[in-house]
């Protein structure tokens, strides 16, 4: 099996992890790339993706699937030796010491890891709400209407609660519920968002191809597994968001995004209808992307001044798969605005809106 593309994709993802604040995962992937080239156990797990190009492998998040599977083992407690070698608060992480144990786990737990990796990553990164919330504020400010919010690719629905969190937009401003157990800050550049806008969410719903069930401890753990293990603040934030969502009884419908949008999302008089998503588009096949775009355009064409429709998304602008933008299209009119350049996990926001 030719390992050239696989190893290149692992190194590329490892560089990305390091740049995004996870040197532990960056180092693990560099070691995994060497193991691929040597024909080690990493290669056996990568067999389903053999033959893909580097860009396809990166877009499929193949390396992140492996990292998630290993972290899931750690969180489950089923591999205590590996868990002991993973990052812990107030202790320097040592990827060189963790790697032999990770490699051994790929042999011992091969079937379990392979099963975990069949589904694309579902991080449900809560901090992405700090990128989306200013977009919702702009929509509320421009329309002055109550809001109906519909999320695609919502995983377990944690970002469905975007208006129930408290935000600090750097030194520029703050907004949200000061009593919320979920507090989200970011490094903010640019003018303050429209924090004085009145936000009244009168309806909210979400779908996902395979939604996470927060009542299931295995699925809750899967969400945590995709949070990088040396980023303790992110882990604490998602645990708080999971608890809040559980208490609120948040649910996500299992459905195809295209059909669900066609069936559920339509402008309604007296409210602005918002369809939104984050780091979702790239995981759809090209034909699904085209079908969803056509569906959204059709919905937009039916919008009126008293029943406006907004499409808000945080996605990488083609052809990038790393850099992220927050983009808003508002109908009637269908004007598209790039509101922000953002960090994939919400750590920085450059507000343009």
C-alpha atoms as a PDB file:
ATOM      1  CA  UNK A   1       0.000   0.000   0.000  1.00  0.00           C
ATOM      2  CA  UNK A   2       1.361   3.415  -0.979  1.00  0.00           C
ATOM      3  CA  UNK A   3       1.617   5.462   2.198  1.00  0.00           C
ATOM      4  CA  UNK A   4       2.810   8.717   0.613  1.00  0.00           C
ATOM      5  CA  UNK A   5      -0.511  10.556   0.730  1.00  0.00           C
ATOM      6  CA  UNK A   6      -1.527   9.167   4.099  1.00  0.00           C
ATOM      7  CA  UNK A   7       1.739  10.212   5.725  1.00  0.00           C
ATOM      8  CA  UNK A   8       1.548  13.646   4.105  1.00  0.00           C
ATOM      9  CA  UNK A   9      -2.034  14.127   5.341  1.00  0.00           C
ATOM     10  CA  UNK A  10      -1.053  13.094   8.872  1.00  0.00           C
ATOM     11  CA  UNK A  11       1.845  15.545   8.895  1.00  0.00           C
ATOM     12  CA  UNK A  12      -0.356  18.317   7.530  1.00  0.00           C
ATOM     13  CA  UNK A  13      -2.994  17.661  10.192  1.00  0.00           C
ATOM     14  CA  UNK A  14      -0.293  17.466  12.851  1.00  0.00           C
ATOM     15  CA  UNK A  15       1.001  20.889  11.858  1.00  0.00           C
ATOM     16  CA  UNK A  16      -2.563  22.170  12.055  1.00  0.00           C
ATOM     17  CA  UNK A  17      -3.048  20.721  15.538  1.00  0.00           C
ATOM     18  CA  UNK A  18       0.164  22.351  16.745  1.00  0.00           C
ATOM     19  CA  UNK A  19      -0.788  25.729  15.276  1.00  0.00           C
ATOM     20  CA  UNK A  20      -4.246  25.472  16.819  1.00  0.00           C
ATOM     21  CA  UNK A  21      -2.872  24.839  20.295  1.00  0.00           C
ATOM     22  CA  UNK A  22      -2.422  21.075  20.641  1.00  0.00           C
ATOM     23  CA  UNK A  23       1.301  20.282  20.500  1.00  0.00           C
ATOM     24  CA  UNK A  24       0.557  16.863  21.986  1.00  0.00           C
ATOM     25  CA  UNK A  25      -1.627  15.842  19.050  1.00  0.00           C
ATOM     26  CA  UNK A  26       0.773  17.485  16.623  1.00  0.00           C
ATOM     27  CA  UNK A  27       3.618  15.335  17.892  1.00  0.00           C
ATOM     28  CA  UNK A  28       1.504  12.165  17.965  1.00  0.00           C
ATOM     29  CA  UNK A  29       0.554  12.605  14.317  1.00  0.00           C
ATOM     30  CA  UNK A  30       4.170  13.167  13.296  1.00  0.00           C
ATOM     31  CA  UNK A  31       5.038   9.858  14.958  1.00  0.00           C
ATOM     32  CA  UNK A  32       1.999   8.175  13.391  1.00  0.00           C
ATOM     33  CA  UNK A  33       3.151   9.354   9.949  1.00  0.00           C
ATOM     34  CA  UNK A  34       6.475   7.584  10.488  1.00  0.00           C
ATOM     35  CA  UNK A  35       4.592   4.476  11.607  1.00  0.00           C
ATOM     36  CA  UNK A  36       2.521   4.593   8.425  1.00  0.00           C
ATOM     37  CA  UNK A  37       5.662   4.679   6.316  1.00  0.00           C
ATOM     38  CA  UNK A  38       7.115   1.778   8.283  1.00  0.00           C
ATOM     39  CA  UNK A  39       3.998  -0.337   7.748  1.00  0.00           C
ATOM     40  CA  UNK A  40       3.048  -0.280  11.432  1.00  0.00           C
ATOM     41  CA  UNK A  41      -0.391  -0.681  13.051  1.00  0.00           C
ATOM     42  CA  UNK A  42      -1.436   2.815  11.985  1.00  0.00           C
ATOM     43  CA  UNK A  43      -1.430   1.618   8.386  1.00  0.00           C
ATOM     44  CA  UNK A  44      -3.867  -1.218   9.076  1.00  0.00           C
ATOM     45  CA  UNK A  45      -6.389   1.233  10.550  1.00  0.00           C
ATOM     46  CA  UNK A  46      -6.049   3.510   7.533  1.00  0.00           C
ATOM     47  CA  UNK A  47      -6.917   0.808   4.975  1.00  0.00           C
ATOM     48  CA  UNK A  48     -10.456   2.171   4.260  1.00  0.00           C
ATOM     49  CA  UNK A  49      -8.920   5.445   3.040  1.00  0.00           C
ATOM     50  CA  UNK A  50      -6.075   4.003   0.974  1.00  0.00           C
ATOM     51  CA  UNK A  51      -5.874   5.539  -2.469  1.00  0.00           C
ATOM     52  CA  UNK A  52      -7.304   8.944  -1.550  1.00  0.00           C
ATOM     53  CA  UNK A  53      -5.373  12.121  -2.269  1.00  0.00           C
ATOM     54  CA  UNK A  54      -3.940  14.330   0.442  1.00  0.00           C
ATOM     55  CA  UNK A  55      -6.698  16.906   0.123  1.00  0.00           C
ATOM     56  CA  UNK A  56      -9.405  14.227   0.283  1.00  0.00           C
ATOM     57  CA  UNK A  57      -7.782  12.635   3.334  1.00  0.00           C
ATOM     58  CA  UNK A  58      -7.593  16.009   5.057  1.00  0.00           C
ATOM     59  CA  UNK A  59     -11.178  16.874   4.175  1.00  0.00           C
ATOM     60  CA  UNK A  60     -12.295  13.465   5.491  1.00  0.00           C
ATOM     61  CA  UNK A  61     -10.460  14.281   8.749  1.00  0.00           C
ATOM     62  CA  UNK A  62      -8.916  10.818   8.728  1.00  0.00           C
ATOM     63  CA  UNK A  63      -6.118  11.693  11.145  1.00  0.00           C
ATOM     64  CA  UNK A  64      -8.589  13.324  13.545  1.00  0.00           C
ATOM     65  CA  UNK A  65     -10.682  10.150  13.528  1.00  0.00           C
ATOM     66  CA  UNK A  66      -7.699   8.206  14.827  1.00  0.00           C
ATOM     67  CA  UNK A  67      -6.920  10.815  17.481  1.00  0.00           C
ATOM     68  CA  UNK A  68     -10.556  10.781  18.579  1.00  0.00           C
ATOM     69  CA  UNK A  69     -10.561   7.007  18.870  1.00  0.00           C
ATOM     70  CA  UNK A  70      -7.451   7.006  21.034  1.00  0.00           C
ATOM     71  CA  UNK A  71      -8.831   9.770  23.271  1.00  0.00           C
ATOM     72  CA  UNK A  72     -12.077   7.824  23.601  1.00  0.00           C
ATOM     73  CA  UNK A  73     -10.068   4.892  24.928  1.00  0.00           C
ATOM     74  CA  UNK A  74      -8.441   7.222  27.448  1.00  0.00           C
ATOM     75  CA  UNK A  75     -11.738   8.738  28.593  1.00  0.00           C
ATOM     76  CA  UNK A  76     -13.390   5.329  28.940  1.00  0.00           C
ATOM     77  CA  UNK A  77     -10.727   4.110  31.359  1.00  0.00           C
ATOM     78  CA  UNK A  78     -10.462   0.881  29.390  1.00  0.00           C
ATOM     79  CA  UNK A  79      -6.786   1.490  28.622  1.00  0.00           C
ATOM     80  CA  UNK A  80      -5.330   2.795  31.908  1.00  0.00           C
ATOM     81  CA  UNK A  81      -1.715   2.715  30.704  1.00  0.00           C
ATOM     82  CA  UNK A  82      -2.542   4.947  27.746  1.00  0.00           C
ATOM     83  CA  UNK A  83      -4.660   7.186  29.972  1.00  0.00           C
ATOM     84  CA  UNK A  84      -1.776   7.645  32.390  1.00  0.00           C
ATOM     85  CA  UNK A  85       0.444   8.820  29.537  1.00  0.00           C
ATOM     86  CA  UNK A  86      -2.056  11.366  28.210  1.00  0.00           C
ATOM     87  CA  UNK A  87      -1.987  15.068  29.158  1.00  0.00           C
ATOM     88  CA  UNK A  88      -3.245  15.997  32.583  1.00  0.00           C
ATOM     89  CA  UNK A  89      -3.644  19.394  34.245  1.00  0.00           C
ATOM     90  CA  UNK A  90      -0.512  20.690  35.960  1.00  0.00           C
ATOM     91  CA  UNK A  91       1.698  18.066  34.293  1.00  0.00           C
ATOM     92  CA  UNK A  92       3.859  18.476  31.211  1.00  0.00           C
ATOM     93  CA  UNK A  93       2.637  16.228  28.422  1.00  0.00           C
ATOM     94  CA  UNK A  94       5.111  13.798  26.866  1.00  0.00           C
ATOM     95  CA  UNK A  95       4.013  12.622  23.403  1.00  0.00           C
ATOM     96  CA  UNK A  96       7.217  10.621  22.928  1.00  0.00           C
ATOM     97  CA  UNK A  97       6.345   8.547  25.987  1.00  0.00           C
ATOM     98  CA  UNK A  98       2.666   8.288  25.001  1.00  0.00           C
ATOM     99  CA  UNK A  99       3.323   7.128  21.443  1.00  0.00           C
ATOM    100  CA  UNK A 100       4.495   3.528  22.158  1.00  0.00           C
ATOM    101  CA  UNK A 101       1.383   3.045  24.294  1.00  0.00           C
ATOM    102  CA  UNK A 102      -0.827   4.530  21.580  1.00  0.00           C
ATOM    103  CA  UNK A 103       0.788   2.214  19.039  1.00  0.00           C
ATOM    104  CA  UNK A 104       0.180  -0.782  21.287  1.00  0.00           C
ATOM    105  CA  UNK A 105      -3.441   0.303  21.715  1.00  0.00           C
ATOM    106  CA  UNK A 106      -3.903   0.332  17.947  1.00  0.00           C
ATOM    107  CA  UNK A 107      -3.013  -3.351  17.954  1.00  0.00           C
ATOM    108  CA  UNK A 108      -4.940  -4.353  21.056  1.00  0.00           C
ATOM    109  CA  UNK A 109      -8.053  -2.284  20.298  1.00  0.00           C
ATOM    110  CA  UNK A 110      -7.930  -2.389  16.504  1.00  0.00           C
ATOM    111  CA  UNK A 111     -11.576  -3.397  15.949  1.00  0.00           C
ATOM    112  CA  UNK A 112     -12.877  -0.874  18.448  1.00  0.00           C
ATOM    113  CA  UNK A 113     -10.829   1.956  16.948  1.00  0.00           C
ATOM    114  CA  UNK A 114     -11.817   0.973  13.405  1.00  0.00           C
ATOM    115  CA  UNK A 115     -15.496   1.078  14.384  1.00  0.00           C
ATOM    116  CA  UNK A 116     -15.067   4.484  16.055  1.00  0.00           C
ATOM    117  CA  UNK A 117     -13.418   5.858  12.921  1.00  0.00           C
ATOM    118  CA  UNK A 118     -16.244   4.922  10.550  1.00  0.00           C
ATOM    119  CA  UNK A 119     -18.064   8.152  11.431  1.00  0.00           C
ATOM    120  CA  UNK A 120     -16.640  11.575  10.676  1.00  0.00           C
ATOM    121  CA  UNK A 121     -15.664  13.769  13.639  1.00  0.00           C
ATOM    122  CA  UNK A 122     -18.467  15.471  15.551  1.00  0.00           C
ATOM    123  CA  UNK A 123     -16.733  17.879  17.831  1.00  0.00           C
ATOM    124  CA  UNK A 124     -19.773  20.033  18.618  1.00  0.00           C
ATOM    125  CA  UNK A 125     -17.240  22.716  19.535  1.00  0.00           C
ATOM    126  CA  UNK A 126     -19.162  25.093  21.800  1.00  0.00           C
ATOM    127  CA  UNK A 127     -16.782  27.984  21.255  1.00  0.00           C
ATOM    128  CA  UNK A 128     -17.946  28.217  17.642  1.00  0.00           C
ATOM    129  CA  UNK A 129     -21.005  29.920  19.093  1.00  0.00           C
ATOM    130  CA  UNK A 130     -18.842  32.967  19.805  1.00  0.00           C
ATOM    131  CA  UNK A 131     -18.338  33.204  16.038  1.00  0.00           C
ATOM    132  CA  UNK A 132     -22.011  32.662  15.190  1.00  0.00           C
ATOM    133  CA  UNK A 133     -23.613  34.745  17.955  1.00  0.00           C
ATOM    134  CA  UNK A 134     -22.503  38.107  16.478  1.00  0.00           C
ATOM    135  CA  UNK A 135     -24.104  37.011  13.204  1.00  0.00           C
ATOM    136  CA  UNK A 136     -27.382  36.322  14.984  1.00  0.00           C
ATOM    137  CA  UNK A 137     -27.093  39.728  16.648  1.00  0.00           C
ATOM    138  CA  UNK A 138     -26.634  41.362  13.264  1.00  0.00           C
ATOM    139  CA  UNK A 139     -29.685  39.540  11.897  1.00  0.00           C
ATOM    140  CA  UNK A 140     -31.751  40.668  14.882  1.00  0.00           C
ATOM    141  CA  UNK A 141     -30.454  44.221  14.508  1.00  0.00           C
ATOM    142  CA  UNK A 142     -31.234  44.374  10.775  1.00  0.00           C
ATOM    143  CA  UNK A 143     -34.697  42.802  10.955  1.00  0.00           C
ATOM    144  CA  UNK A 144     -35.979  43.792  14.401  1.00  0.00           C
ATOM    145  CA  UNK A 145     -37.996  40.551  14.452  1.00  0.00           C
ATOM    146  CA  UNK A 146     -38.282  37.509  16.714  1.00  0.00           C
ATOM    147  CA  UNK A 147     -36.103  34.652  15.516  1.00  0.00           C
ATOM    148  CA  UNK A 148     -36.646  31.051  14.411  1.00  0.00           C
ATOM    149  CA  UNK A 149     -33.330  29.173  14.487  1.00  0.00           C
ATOM    150  CA  UNK A 150     -32.685  25.942  12.568  1.00  0.00           C
ATOM    151  CA  UNK A 151     -29.286  24.238  12.758  1.00  0.00           C
ATOM    152  CA  UNK A 152     -27.838  21.725  10.297  1.00  0.00           C
ATOM    153  CA  UNK A 153     -25.207  19.163  11.243  1.00  0.00           C
ATOM    154  CA  UNK A 154     -25.924  19.944  14.882  1.00  0.00           C
ATOM    155  CA  UNK A 155     -24.345  16.823  16.411  1.00  0.00           C
ATOM    156  CA  UNK A 156     -25.799  16.792  19.957  1.00  0.00           C
ATOM    157  CA  UNK A 157     -27.257  20.298  19.666  1.00  0.00           C
ATOM    158  CA  UNK A 158     -24.917  22.191  21.975  1.00  0.00           C
ATOM    159  CA  UNK A 159     -24.751  25.203  19.644  1.00  0.00           C
ATOM    160  CA  UNK A 160     -28.531  25.219  19.446  1.00  0.00           C
ATOM    161  CA  UNK A 161     -28.249  26.974  22.837  1.00  0.00           C
ATOM    162  CA  UNK A 162     -26.177  29.858  21.474  1.00  0.00           C
ATOM    163  CA  UNK A 163     -28.449  32.489  23.059  1.00  0.00           C
ATOM    164  CA  UNK A 164     -28.238  30.803  26.480  1.00  0.00           C
ATOM    165  CA  UNK A 165     -24.499  31.339  26.894  1.00  0.00           C
ATOM    166  CA  UNK A 166     -22.532  34.369  28.071  1.00  0.00           C
ATOM    167  CA  UNK A 167     -19.953  35.878  25.709  1.00  0.00           C
ATOM    168  CA  UNK A 168     -16.988  38.165  26.094  1.00  0.00           C
ATOM    169  CA  UNK A 169     -15.980  39.557  22.712  1.00  0.00           C
ATOM    170  CA  UNK A 170     -12.470  40.442  23.826  1.00  0.00           C
ATOM    171  CA  UNK A 171     -12.411  43.948  25.255  1.00  0.00           C
ATOM    172  CA  UNK A 172     -15.008  45.116  22.725  1.00  0.00           C
ATOM    173  CA  UNK A 173     -18.224  44.050  24.456  1.00  0.00           C
ATOM    174  CA  UNK A 174     -20.082  41.252  26.199  1.00  0.00           C
ATOM    175  CA  UNK A 175     -23.503  39.734  25.631  1.00  0.00           C
ATOM    176  CA  UNK A 176     -25.747  36.936  26.813  1.00  0.00           C
ATOM    177  CA  UNK A 177     -26.918  35.474  30.088  1.00  0.00           C
ATOM    178  CA  UNK A 178     -24.517  36.479  32.884  1.00  0.00           C
ATOM    179  CA  UNK A 179     -25.839  33.594  34.984  1.00  0.00           C
ATOM    180  CA  UNK A 180     -25.091  30.986  32.316  1.00  0.00           C
ATOM    181  CA  UNK A 181     -22.807  28.118  33.355  1.00  0.00           C
ATOM    182  CA  UNK A 182     -21.227  28.378  29.897  1.00  0.00           C
ATOM    183  CA  UNK A 183     -18.997  31.424  29.539  1.00  0.00           C
ATOM    184  CA  UNK A 184     -17.222  31.883  26.219  1.00  0.00           C
ATOM    185  CA  UNK A 185     -14.515  34.405  25.462  1.00  0.00           C
ATOM    186  CA  UNK A 186     -12.400  35.018  22.403  1.00  0.00           C
ATOM    187  CA  UNK A 187      -9.582  37.174  21.116  1.00  0.00           C
ATOM    188  CA  UNK A 188     -11.572  39.842  19.293  1.00  0.00           C
ATOM    189  CA  UNK A 189     -10.393  42.223  16.583  1.00  0.00           C
ATOM    190  CA  UNK A 190     -12.592  44.879  15.019  1.00  0.00           C
ATOM    191  CA  UNK A 191     -15.674  46.833  16.101  1.00  0.00           C
ATOM    192  CA  UNK A 192     -18.122  45.458  18.642  1.00  0.00           C
ATOM    193  CA  UNK A 193     -21.073  43.428  17.353  1.00  0.00           C
ATOM    194  CA  UNK A 194     -24.651  44.657  17.752  1.00  0.00           C
ATOM    195  CA  UNK A 195     -24.950  43.716  21.438  1.00  0.00           C
ATOM    196  CA  UNK A 196     -27.882  46.099  21.932  1.00  0.00           C
ATOM    197  CA  UNK A 197     -30.045  44.191  19.473  1.00  0.00           C
ATOM    198  CA  UNK A 198     -33.091  42.475  20.948  1.00  0.00           C
ATOM    199  CA  UNK A 199     -32.863  38.694  20.542  1.00  0.00           C
ATOM    200  CA  UNK A 200     -36.005  36.644  21.073  1.00  0.00           C
ATOM    201  CA  UNK A 201     -35.730  33.041  19.861  1.00  0.00           C
ATOM    202  CA  UNK A 202     -39.311  31.826  19.511  1.00  0.00           C
ATOM    203  CA  UNK A 203     -38.526  28.509  17.810  1.00  0.00           C
ATOM    204  CA  UNK A 204     -35.466  26.311  17.501  1.00  0.00           C
ATOM    205  CA  UNK A 205     -34.808  22.926  15.907  1.00  0.00           C
ATOM    206  CA  UNK A 206     -31.863  20.975  14.572  1.00  0.00           C
ATOM    207  CA  UNK A 207     -30.944  17.934  12.545  1.00  0.00           C
ATOM    208  CA  UNK A 208     -27.942  15.709  12.039  1.00  0.00           C
ATOM    209  CA  UNK A 209     -27.337  12.583  10.010  1.00  0.00           C
ATOM    210  CA  UNK A 210     -26.311  10.791  13.205  1.00  0.00           C
ATOM    211  CA  UNK A 211     -27.176  13.022  16.154  1.00  0.00           C
ATOM    212  CA  UNK A 212     -25.481  12.550  19.478  1.00  0.00           C
ATOM    213  CA  UNK A 213     -27.732  11.401  22.299  1.00  0.00           C
ATOM    214  CA  UNK A 214     -26.703  13.188  25.475  1.00  0.00           C
ATOM    215  CA  UNK A 215     -28.581  10.604  27.540  1.00  0.00           C
ATOM    216  CA  UNK A 216     -26.134   7.957  26.340  1.00  0.00           C
ATOM    217  CA  UNK A 217     -22.807   8.065  28.246  1.00  0.00           C
ATOM    218  CA  UNK A 218     -20.963   6.477  25.317  1.00  0.00           C
ATOM    219  CA  UNK A 219     -22.147   9.203  22.953  1.00  0.00           C
ATOM    220  CA  UNK A 220     -21.383  11.928  25.480  1.00  0.00           C
ATOM    221  CA  UNK A 221     -17.870  10.518  25.710  1.00  0.00           C
ATOM    222  CA  UNK A 222     -17.546  10.587  21.931  1.00  0.00           C
ATOM    223  CA  UNK A 223     -18.156  14.342  21.976  1.00  0.00           C
ATOM    224  CA  UNK A 224     -15.433  14.759  24.579  1.00  0.00           C
ATOM    225  CA  UNK A 225     -13.075  12.480  22.639  1.00  0.00           C
ATOM    226  CA  UNK A 226     -12.838  14.949  19.776  1.00  0.00           C
ATOM    227  CA  UNK A 227     -11.754  17.736  22.115  1.00  0.00           C
ATOM    228  CA  UNK A 228      -7.953  17.730  22.112  1.00  0.00           C
ATOM    229  CA  UNK A 229      -6.664  16.293  25.409  1.00  0.00           C
ATOM    230  CA  UNK A 230      -4.156  19.047  26.166  1.00  0.00           C
ATOM    231  CA  UNK A 231      -6.842  21.756  25.878  1.00  0.00           C
ATOM    232  CA  UNK A 232      -8.360  21.570  29.338  1.00  0.00           C
ATOM    233  CA  UNK A 233     -10.392  24.776  29.029  1.00  0.00           C
ATOM    234  CA  UNK A 234     -12.217  23.361  25.989  1.00  0.00           C
ATOM    235  CA  UNK A 235     -12.959  20.148  27.878  1.00  0.00           C
ATOM    236  CA  UNK A 236     -14.394  22.069  30.835  1.00  0.00           C
ATOM    237  CA  UNK A 237     -16.528  24.229  28.527  1.00  0.00           C
ATOM    238  CA  UNK A 238     -18.096  21.337  26.641  1.00  0.00           C
ATOM    239  CA  UNK A 239     -18.853  19.491  29.880  1.00  0.00           C
ATOM    240  CA  UNK A 240     -20.737  22.569  31.125  1.00  0.00           C
ATOM    241  CA  UNK A 241     -22.582  22.863  27.804  1.00  0.00           C
ATOM    242  CA  UNK A 242     -23.543  19.175  27.892  1.00  0.00           C
ATOM    243  CA  UNK A 243     -24.972  19.577  31.387  1.00  0.00           C
ATOM    244  CA  UNK A 244     -26.975  22.649  30.350  1.00  0.00           C
ATOM    245  CA  UNK A 245     -28.327  20.955  27.216  1.00  0.00           C
ATOM    246  CA  UNK A 246     -29.279  17.874  29.222  1.00  0.00           C
ATOM    247  CA  UNK A 247     -31.132  19.995  31.764  1.00  0.00           C
ATOM    248  CA  UNK A 248     -32.971  21.832  28.972  1.00  0.00           C
ATOM    249  CA  UNK A 249     -33.922  18.618  27.196  1.00  0.00           C
ATOM    250  CA  UNK A 250     -32.310  19.662  23.913  1.00  0.00           C
ATOM    251  CA  UNK A 251     -32.872  17.151  21.117  1.00  0.00           C
ATOM    252  CA  UNK A 252     -31.656  16.825  17.541  1.00  0.00           C
ATOM    253  CA  UNK A 253     -33.629  15.093  14.803  1.00  0.00           C
ATOM    254  CA  UNK A 254     -31.983  12.315  12.801  1.00  0.00           C
ATOM    255  CA  UNK A 255     -32.440  13.430   9.205  1.00  0.00           C
ATOM    256  CA  UNK A 256     -30.790  14.223   5.910  1.00  0.00           C
ATOM    257  CA  UNK A 257     -29.939  17.934   5.842  1.00  0.00           C
ATOM    258  CA  UNK A 258     -31.335  18.558   2.367  1.00  0.00           C
ATOM    259  CA  UNK A 259     -34.693  16.904   2.954  1.00  0.00           C
ATOM    260  CA  UNK A 260     -35.031  18.298   6.478  1.00  0.00           C
ATOM    261  CA  UNK A 261     -34.393  21.818   5.232  1.00  0.00           C
ATOM    262  CA  UNK A 262     -36.949  21.410   2.467  1.00  0.00           C
ATOM    263  CA  UNK A 263     -39.519  19.992   4.894  1.00  0.00           C
ATOM    264  CA  UNK A 264     -38.969  22.147   7.980  1.00  0.00           C
ATOM    265  CA  UNK A 265     -37.488  25.484   7.010  1.00  0.00           C
ATOM    266  CA  UNK A 266     -39.706  28.097   5.406  1.00  0.00           C
ATOM    267  CA  UNK A 267     -40.163  31.817   6.055  1.00  0.00           C
ATOM    268  CA  UNK A 268     -42.984  32.737   8.414  1.00  0.00           C
ATOM    269  CA  UNK A 269     -44.619  36.135   8.772  1.00  0.00           C
ATOM    270  CA  UNK A 270     -43.673  38.070  11.892  1.00  0.00           C
ATOM    271  CA  UNK A 271     -40.299  36.383  12.423  1.00  0.00           C
ATOM    272  CA  UNK A 272     -36.909  36.028  10.772  1.00  0.00           C
ATOM    273  CA  UNK A 273     -36.099  32.418   9.929  1.00  0.00           C
ATOM    274  CA  UNK A 274     -32.400  31.565  10.277  1.00  0.00           C
ATOM    275  CA  UNK A 275     -30.743  28.464   8.876  1.00  0.00           C
ATOM    276  CA  UNK A 276     -27.236  28.035  10.271  1.00  0.00           C
ATOM    277  CA  UNK A 277     -24.345  25.607  10.487  1.00  0.00           C
ATOM    278  CA  UNK A 278     -20.650  25.444  11.392  1.00  0.00           C
ATOM    279  CA  UNK A 279     -17.881  23.240   9.959  1.00  0.00           C
ATOM    280  CA  UNK A 280     -20.511  21.040   8.337  1.00  0.00           C
ATOM    281  CA  UNK A 281     -20.480  21.806   4.639  1.00  0.00           C
ATOM    282  CA  UNK A 282     -17.151  20.122   3.893  1.00  0.00           C
ATOM    283  CA  UNK A 283     -18.403  16.757   5.112  1.00  0.00           C
ATOM    284  CA  UNK A 284     -21.221  16.602   2.549  1.00  0.00           C
ATOM    285  CA  UNK A 285     -20.741  14.996  -0.860  1.00  0.00           C
ATOM    286  CA  UNK A 286     -20.647  17.474  -3.737  1.00  0.00           C
ATOM    287  CA  UNK A 287     -24.091  16.448  -4.961  1.00  0.00           C
ATOM    288  CA  UNK A 288     -25.582  17.065  -1.509  1.00  0.00           C
ATOM    289  CA  UNK A 289     -23.899  20.461  -1.338  1.00  0.00           C
ATOM    290  CA  UNK A 290     -25.437  21.405  -4.687  1.00  0.00           C
ATOM    291  CA  UNK A 291     -28.880  20.139  -3.661  1.00  0.00           C
ATOM    292  CA  UNK A 292     -28.787  21.984  -0.337  1.00  0.00           C
ATOM    293  CA  UNK A 293     -27.593  25.203  -1.951  1.00  0.00           C
ATOM    294  CA  UNK A 294     -30.466  25.000  -4.446  1.00  0.00           C
ATOM    295  CA  UNK A 295     -32.946  24.345  -1.627  1.00  0.00           C
ATOM    296  CA  UNK A 296     -31.668  27.324   0.329  1.00  0.00           C
ATOM    297  CA  UNK A 297     -31.867  29.580  -2.718  1.00  0.00           C
ATOM    298  CA  UNK A 298     -35.450  28.443  -3.253  1.00  0.00           C
ATOM    299  CA  UNK A 299     -36.366  29.266   0.320  1.00  0.00           C
ATOM    300  CA  UNK A 300     -34.688  32.640  -0.012  1.00  0.00           C
ATOM    301  CA  UNK A 301     -36.686  33.421  -3.116  1.00  0.00           C
ATOM    302  CA  UNK A 302     -39.902  32.975  -1.111  1.00  0.00           C
ATOM    303  CA  UNK A 303     -38.855  35.430   1.635  1.00  0.00           C
ATOM    304  CA  UNK A 304     -40.615  38.767   2.070  1.00  0.00           C
ATOM    305  CA  UNK A 305     -39.958  41.861   4.131  1.00  0.00           C
ATOM    306  CA  UNK A 306     -42.268  40.641   6.920  1.00  0.00           C
ATOM    307  CA  UNK A 307     -41.005  37.038   6.601  1.00  0.00           C
ATOM    308  CA  UNK A 308     -37.246  37.340   5.973  1.00  0.00           C
ATOM    309  CA  UNK A 309     -34.868  34.402   5.693  1.00  0.00           C
ATOM    310  CA  UNK A 310     -31.198  34.296   6.709  1.00  0.00           C
ATOM    311  CA  UNK A 311     -28.463  31.769   5.986  1.00  0.00           C
ATOM    312  CA  UNK A 312     -25.670  32.044   8.544  1.00  0.00           C
ATOM    313  CA  UNK A 313     -22.646  29.770   8.356  1.00  0.00           C
ATOM    314  CA  UNK A 314     -19.142  29.314   9.676  1.00  0.00           C
ATOM    315  CA  UNK A 315     -17.250  27.374   7.041  1.00  0.00           C
ATOM    316  CA  UNK A 316     -13.901  27.371   5.247  1.00  0.00           C
ATOM    317  CA  UNK A 317     -14.017  29.406   2.047  1.00  0.00           C
ATOM    318  CA  UNK A 318     -13.127  27.204  -0.948  1.00  0.00           C
ATOM    319  CA  UNK A 319     -10.536  25.950  -1.617  1.00  0.00           C
ATOM    320  CA  UNK A 320      -9.305  26.263   1.978  1.00  0.00           C
ATOM    321  CA  UNK A 321     -10.062  23.575   4.548  1.00  0.00           C
ATOM    322  CA  UNK A 322      -8.375  25.375   7.455  1.00  0.00           C
ATOM    323  CA  UNK A 323      -9.272  29.071   7.498  1.00  0.00           C
ATOM    324  CA  UNK A 324     -12.860  29.878   8.469  1.00  0.00           C
ATOM    325  CA  UNK A 325     -15.270  32.677   7.636  1.00  0.00           C
ATOM    326  CA  UNK A 326     -18.649  33.631   9.048  1.00  0.00           C
ATOM    327  CA  UNK A 327     -20.922  34.455   6.112  1.00  0.00           C
ATOM    328  CA  UNK A 328     -24.465  35.810   6.149  1.00  0.00           C
ATOM    329  CA  UNK A 329     -26.946  35.872   3.294  1.00  0.00           C
ATOM    330  CA  UNK A 330     -30.213  37.669   4.015  1.00  0.00           C
ATOM    331  CA  UNK A 331     -33.375  37.589   1.918  1.00  0.00           C
ATOM    332  CA  UNK A 332     -35.297  39.297   0.419  1.00  0.00           C
ATOM    333  CA  UNK A 333     -32.457  40.563  -1.659  1.00  0.00           C
ATOM    334  CA  UNK A 334     -30.007  37.716  -1.078  1.00  0.00           C
ATOM    335  CA  UNK A 335     -27.061  39.954  -0.312  1.00  0.00           C
ATOM    336  CA  UNK A 336     -24.053  37.957   0.907  1.00  0.00           C
ATOM    337  CA  UNK A 337     -21.768  39.429   3.556  1.00  0.00           C
ATOM    338  CA  UNK A 338     -18.530  38.054   4.955  1.00  0.00           C
ATOM    339  CA  UNK A 339     -18.963  39.011   8.597  1.00  0.00           C
ATOM    340  CA  UNK A 340     -15.764  37.631  10.113  1.00  0.00           C
ATOM    341  CA  UNK A 341     -12.555  35.690   9.710  1.00  0.00           C
ATOM    342  CA  UNK A 342     -12.409  33.223  12.581  1.00  0.00           C
ATOM    343  CA  UNK A 343     -10.317  30.531  14.238  1.00  0.00           C
ATOM    344  CA  UNK A 344     -11.725  27.022  13.598  1.00  0.00           C
ATOM    345  CA  UNK A 345     -12.386  26.596  17.329  1.00  0.00           C
ATOM    346  CA  UNK A 346     -13.453  30.182  17.983  1.00  0.00           C
ATOM    347  CA  UNK A 347     -10.263  31.294  19.768  1.00  0.00           C
ATOM    348  CA  UNK A 348      -9.961  34.405  17.577  1.00  0.00           C
ATOM    349  CA  UNK A 349     -12.513  36.487  15.702  1.00  0.00           C
ATOM    350  CA  UNK A 350     -11.730  39.290  13.276  1.00  0.00           C
ATOM    351  CA  UNK A 351     -15.067  41.030  12.919  1.00  0.00           C
ATOM    352  CA  UNK A 352     -15.770  42.681   9.581  1.00  0.00           C
ATOM    353  CA  UNK A 353     -19.543  42.956   9.767  1.00  0.00           C
END
